């Protein structure tokens, strides 16, 4: 995601320095904003999914001293 934000910053610098036209700026700004939004959604999905992945593991893990196995 940092890469997408860096691209936006560089694009803005090029626009300010009049290295690119407004139409080119708008085109790539939209592209990079969409990329950034997609990455944010993916990160949020992965963060939400990581909590779900932990629940089954904790549900079946025995509590210390209550496993029923005696050695």
N, C-alpha and C. Protein backbone atom coordinates (compact mmCIF):
# COMPACT_ATOMS: atom_id res chain seq x y z
N UNK A 1 0.82 -1.18 0.00
CA UNK A 1 0.00 0.00 0.00
C UNK A 1 0.87 1.26 0.00
N UNK A 2 1.98 1.18 0.65
CA UNK A 2 2.90 2.32 0.68
C UNK A 2 3.35 2.67 -0.73
N UNK A 3 3.49 1.64 -1.57
CA UNK A 3 3.90 1.88 -2.95
C UNK A 3 2.85 2.68 -3.71
N UNK A 4 1.57 2.36 -3.51
CA UNK A 4 0.50 3.09 -4.18
C UNK A 4 0.47 4.54 -3.71
N UNK A 5 0.67 4.78 -2.42
CA UNK A 5 0.70 6.15 -1.91
C UNK A 5 1.90 6.92 -2.44
N UNK A 6 3.02 6.25 -2.58
CA UNK A 6 4.21 6.88 -3.14
C UNK A 6 3.96 7.27 -4.60
N UNK A 7 3.29 6.42 -5.34
CA UNK A 7 2.97 6.73 -6.73
C UNK A 7 2.10 7.98 -6.82
N UNK A 8 1.14 8.09 -5.91
CA UNK A 8 0.26 9.28 -5.90
C UNK A 8 1.08 10.53 -5.58
N UNK A 9 1.97 10.44 -4.62
CA UNK A 9 2.81 11.59 -4.27
C UNK A 9 3.68 12.01 -5.45
N UNK A 10 4.29 11.04 -6.12
CA UNK A 10 5.13 11.35 -7.27
C UNK A 10 4.31 11.95 -8.40
N UNK A 11 3.11 11.45 -8.59
CA UNK A 11 2.22 11.99 -9.61
C UNK A 11 1.88 13.44 -9.31
N UNK A 12 1.58 13.72 -8.04
CA UNK A 12 1.28 15.10 -7.64
C UNK A 12 2.47 16.03 -7.87
N UNK A 13 3.65 15.55 -7.55
CA UNK A 13 4.86 16.35 -7.77
C UNK A 13 5.05 16.66 -9.24
N UNK A 14 4.82 15.66 -10.08
CA UNK A 14 4.98 15.88 -11.52
C UNK A 14 3.94 16.87 -12.05
N UNK A 15 2.74 16.84 -11.48
CA UNK A 15 1.70 17.79 -11.89
C UNK A 15 2.09 19.21 -11.45
N UNK A 16 2.55 19.33 -10.20
CA UNK A 16 2.97 20.63 -9.68
C UNK A 16 4.12 21.20 -10.50
N UNK A 17 5.05 20.35 -10.88
CA UNK A 17 6.21 20.78 -11.65
C UNK A 17 5.91 20.91 -13.15
N UNK A 18 4.64 20.75 -13.50
CA UNK A 18 4.17 20.88 -14.88
C UNK A 18 4.89 19.92 -15.83
N UNK A 19 5.21 18.72 -15.33
CA UNK A 19 5.84 17.70 -16.17
C UNK A 19 4.79 16.87 -16.90
N UNK A 20 3.55 16.88 -16.39
CA UNK A 20 2.46 16.15 -17.02
C UNK A 20 1.24 17.05 -17.14
N UNK A 21 0.36 16.71 -18.08
CA UNK A 21 -0.87 17.47 -18.27
C UNK A 21 -1.93 17.05 -17.26
N UNK A 22 -2.92 17.89 -17.10
CA UNK A 22 -3.99 17.63 -16.15
C UNK A 22 -4.73 16.33 -16.48
N UNK A 23 -4.94 16.06 -17.75
CA UNK A 23 -5.65 14.84 -18.14
C UNK A 23 -4.87 13.59 -17.76
N UNK A 24 -3.56 13.65 -17.89
CA UNK A 24 -2.71 12.52 -17.50
C UNK A 24 -2.74 12.34 -15.99
N UNK A 25 -2.69 13.45 -15.27
CA UNK A 25 -2.77 13.40 -13.81
C UNK A 25 -4.07 12.75 -13.36
N UNK A 26 -5.18 13.20 -13.92
CA UNK A 26 -6.49 12.66 -13.54
C UNK A 26 -6.58 11.17 -13.82
N UNK A 27 -6.08 10.76 -14.97
CA UNK A 27 -6.12 9.34 -15.35
C UNK A 27 -5.36 8.48 -14.35
N UNK A 28 -4.13 8.85 -14.07
CA UNK A 28 -3.31 8.03 -13.18
C UNK A 28 -3.68 8.20 -11.71
N UNK A 29 -4.16 9.39 -11.34
CA UNK A 29 -4.61 9.58 -9.97
C UNK A 29 -5.75 8.62 -9.66
N UNK A 30 -6.71 8.53 -10.58
CA UNK A 30 -7.84 7.62 -10.39
C UNK A 30 -7.35 6.18 -10.30
N UNK A 31 -6.42 5.81 -11.16
CA UNK A 31 -5.88 4.44 -11.16
C UNK A 31 -5.19 4.12 -9.83
N UNK A 32 -4.36 5.02 -9.35
CA UNK A 32 -3.63 4.78 -8.12
C UNK A 32 -4.54 4.81 -6.90
N UNK A 33 -5.57 5.67 -6.92
CA UNK A 33 -6.54 5.70 -5.82
C UNK A 33 -7.31 4.39 -5.75
N UNK A 34 -7.68 3.84 -6.91
CA UNK A 34 -8.39 2.57 -6.94
C UNK A 34 -7.49 1.46 -6.42
N UNK A 35 -6.23 1.48 -6.80
CA UNK A 35 -5.27 0.48 -6.32
C UNK A 35 -5.12 0.57 -4.80
N UNK A 36 -5.03 1.78 -4.28
CA UNK A 36 -4.91 1.99 -2.84
C UNK A 36 -6.15 1.48 -2.11
N UNK A 37 -7.32 1.77 -2.65
CA UNK A 37 -8.58 1.33 -2.02
C UNK A 37 -8.68 -0.19 -2.04
N UNK A 38 -8.26 -0.81 -3.15
CA UNK A 38 -8.30 -2.27 -3.25
C UNK A 38 -7.38 -2.90 -2.21
N UNK A 39 -6.21 -2.33 -2.05
CA UNK A 39 -5.27 -2.85 -1.07
C UNK A 39 -5.79 -2.69 0.36
N UNK A 40 -6.45 -1.55 0.64
CA UNK A 40 -7.04 -1.35 1.97
C UNK A 40 -8.11 -2.38 2.25
N UNK A 41 -8.95 -2.66 1.25
CA UNK A 41 -10.00 -3.66 1.41
C UNK A 41 -9.39 -5.04 1.65
N UNK A 42 -8.34 -5.36 0.92
CA UNK A 42 -7.68 -6.65 1.07
C UNK A 42 -7.07 -6.79 2.46
N UNK A 43 -6.44 -5.73 2.94
CA UNK A 43 -5.85 -5.75 4.28
C UNK A 43 -6.93 -5.93 5.33
N UNK A 44 -8.03 -5.20 5.18
CA UNK A 44 -9.13 -5.32 6.14
C UNK A 44 -9.70 -6.73 6.13
N UNK A 45 -9.83 -7.31 4.95
CA UNK A 45 -10.35 -8.68 4.84
C UNK A 45 -9.40 -9.67 5.51
N UNK A 46 -8.12 -9.49 5.31
CA UNK A 46 -7.14 -10.38 5.93
C UNK A 46 -7.14 -10.22 7.45
N UNK A 47 -7.29 -8.99 7.92
CA UNK A 47 -7.34 -8.78 9.36
C UNK A 47 -8.59 -9.42 9.96
N UNK A 48 -9.72 -9.28 9.30
CA UNK A 48 -10.95 -9.91 9.78
C UNK A 48 -10.83 -11.42 9.74
N UNK A 49 -10.25 -11.94 8.70
CA UNK A 49 -10.09 -13.38 8.54
C UNK A 49 -9.15 -13.98 9.55
N UNK A 50 -8.15 -13.23 9.99
CA UNK A 50 -7.19 -13.78 10.94
C UNK A 50 -7.85 -14.06 12.28
N UNK A 51 -8.83 -13.26 12.66
CA UNK A 51 -9.54 -13.51 13.91
C UNK A 51 -10.38 -14.78 13.80
N UNK A 52 -11.01 -14.99 12.64
CA UNK A 52 -11.82 -16.18 12.42
C UNK A 52 -10.96 -17.44 12.45
N UNK A 53 -9.73 -17.33 11.93
CA UNK A 53 -8.85 -18.49 11.90
C UNK A 53 -8.39 -18.90 13.29
N UNK A 54 -8.36 -17.97 14.23
CA UNK A 54 -7.91 -18.29 15.57
C UNK A 54 -9.00 -18.96 16.40
N UNK A 55 -10.25 -18.70 16.12
CA UNK A 55 -11.33 -19.25 16.92
C UNK A 55 -11.36 -20.77 16.94
N UNK A 56 -11.26 -21.47 15.82
CA UNK A 56 -11.29 -22.93 15.90
C UNK A 56 -10.11 -23.49 16.69
N UNK A 57 -8.96 -22.87 16.59
CA UNK A 57 -7.79 -23.37 17.31
C UNK A 57 -7.98 -23.23 18.82
N UNK A 58 -8.55 -22.15 19.26
CA UNK A 58 -8.75 -21.97 20.69
C UNK A 58 -9.92 -22.81 21.20
N UNK A 59 -10.85 -23.11 20.33
CA UNK A 59 -12.02 -23.90 20.74
C UNK A 59 -11.65 -25.36 21.01
N UNK A 60 -10.65 -25.89 20.33
CA UNK A 60 -10.28 -27.29 20.51
C UNK A 60 -9.05 -27.47 21.39
N UNK A 61 -8.38 -26.39 21.74
CA UNK A 61 -7.20 -26.50 22.57
C UNK A 61 -7.61 -26.84 24.00
N UNK A 62 -7.02 -27.89 24.57
CA UNK A 62 -7.39 -28.27 25.94
C UNK A 62 -6.86 -27.26 26.94
N UNK A 63 -7.59 -27.10 28.01
CA UNK A 63 -7.17 -26.23 29.09
C UNK A 63 -6.16 -27.01 29.93
N UNK A 64 -5.11 -26.36 30.36
CA UNK A 64 -4.04 -27.02 31.09
C UNK A 64 -4.60 -27.78 32.30
N UNK A 65 -4.24 -29.07 32.40
CA UNK A 65 -4.64 -29.89 33.52
C UNK A 65 -6.02 -30.53 33.38
N UNK A 66 -6.72 -30.23 32.30
CA UNK A 66 -8.07 -30.78 32.13
C UNK A 66 -8.19 -31.61 30.86
N UNK A 67 -7.09 -32.11 30.34
CA UNK A 67 -7.14 -32.83 29.08
C UNK A 67 -7.62 -34.26 29.23
N UNK A 68 -7.65 -34.78 30.41
CA UNK A 68 -8.12 -36.13 30.64
C UNK A 68 -7.04 -37.17 30.44
N UNK A 69 -5.88 -36.79 29.98
CA UNK A 69 -4.78 -37.74 29.80
C UNK A 69 -3.91 -37.73 31.05
N UNK A 70 -3.63 -38.92 31.55
CA UNK A 70 -2.77 -39.02 32.73
C UNK A 70 -1.59 -39.90 32.39
N UNK A 71 -0.41 -39.37 32.52
CA UNK A 71 0.81 -40.13 32.20
C UNK A 71 1.53 -40.52 33.45
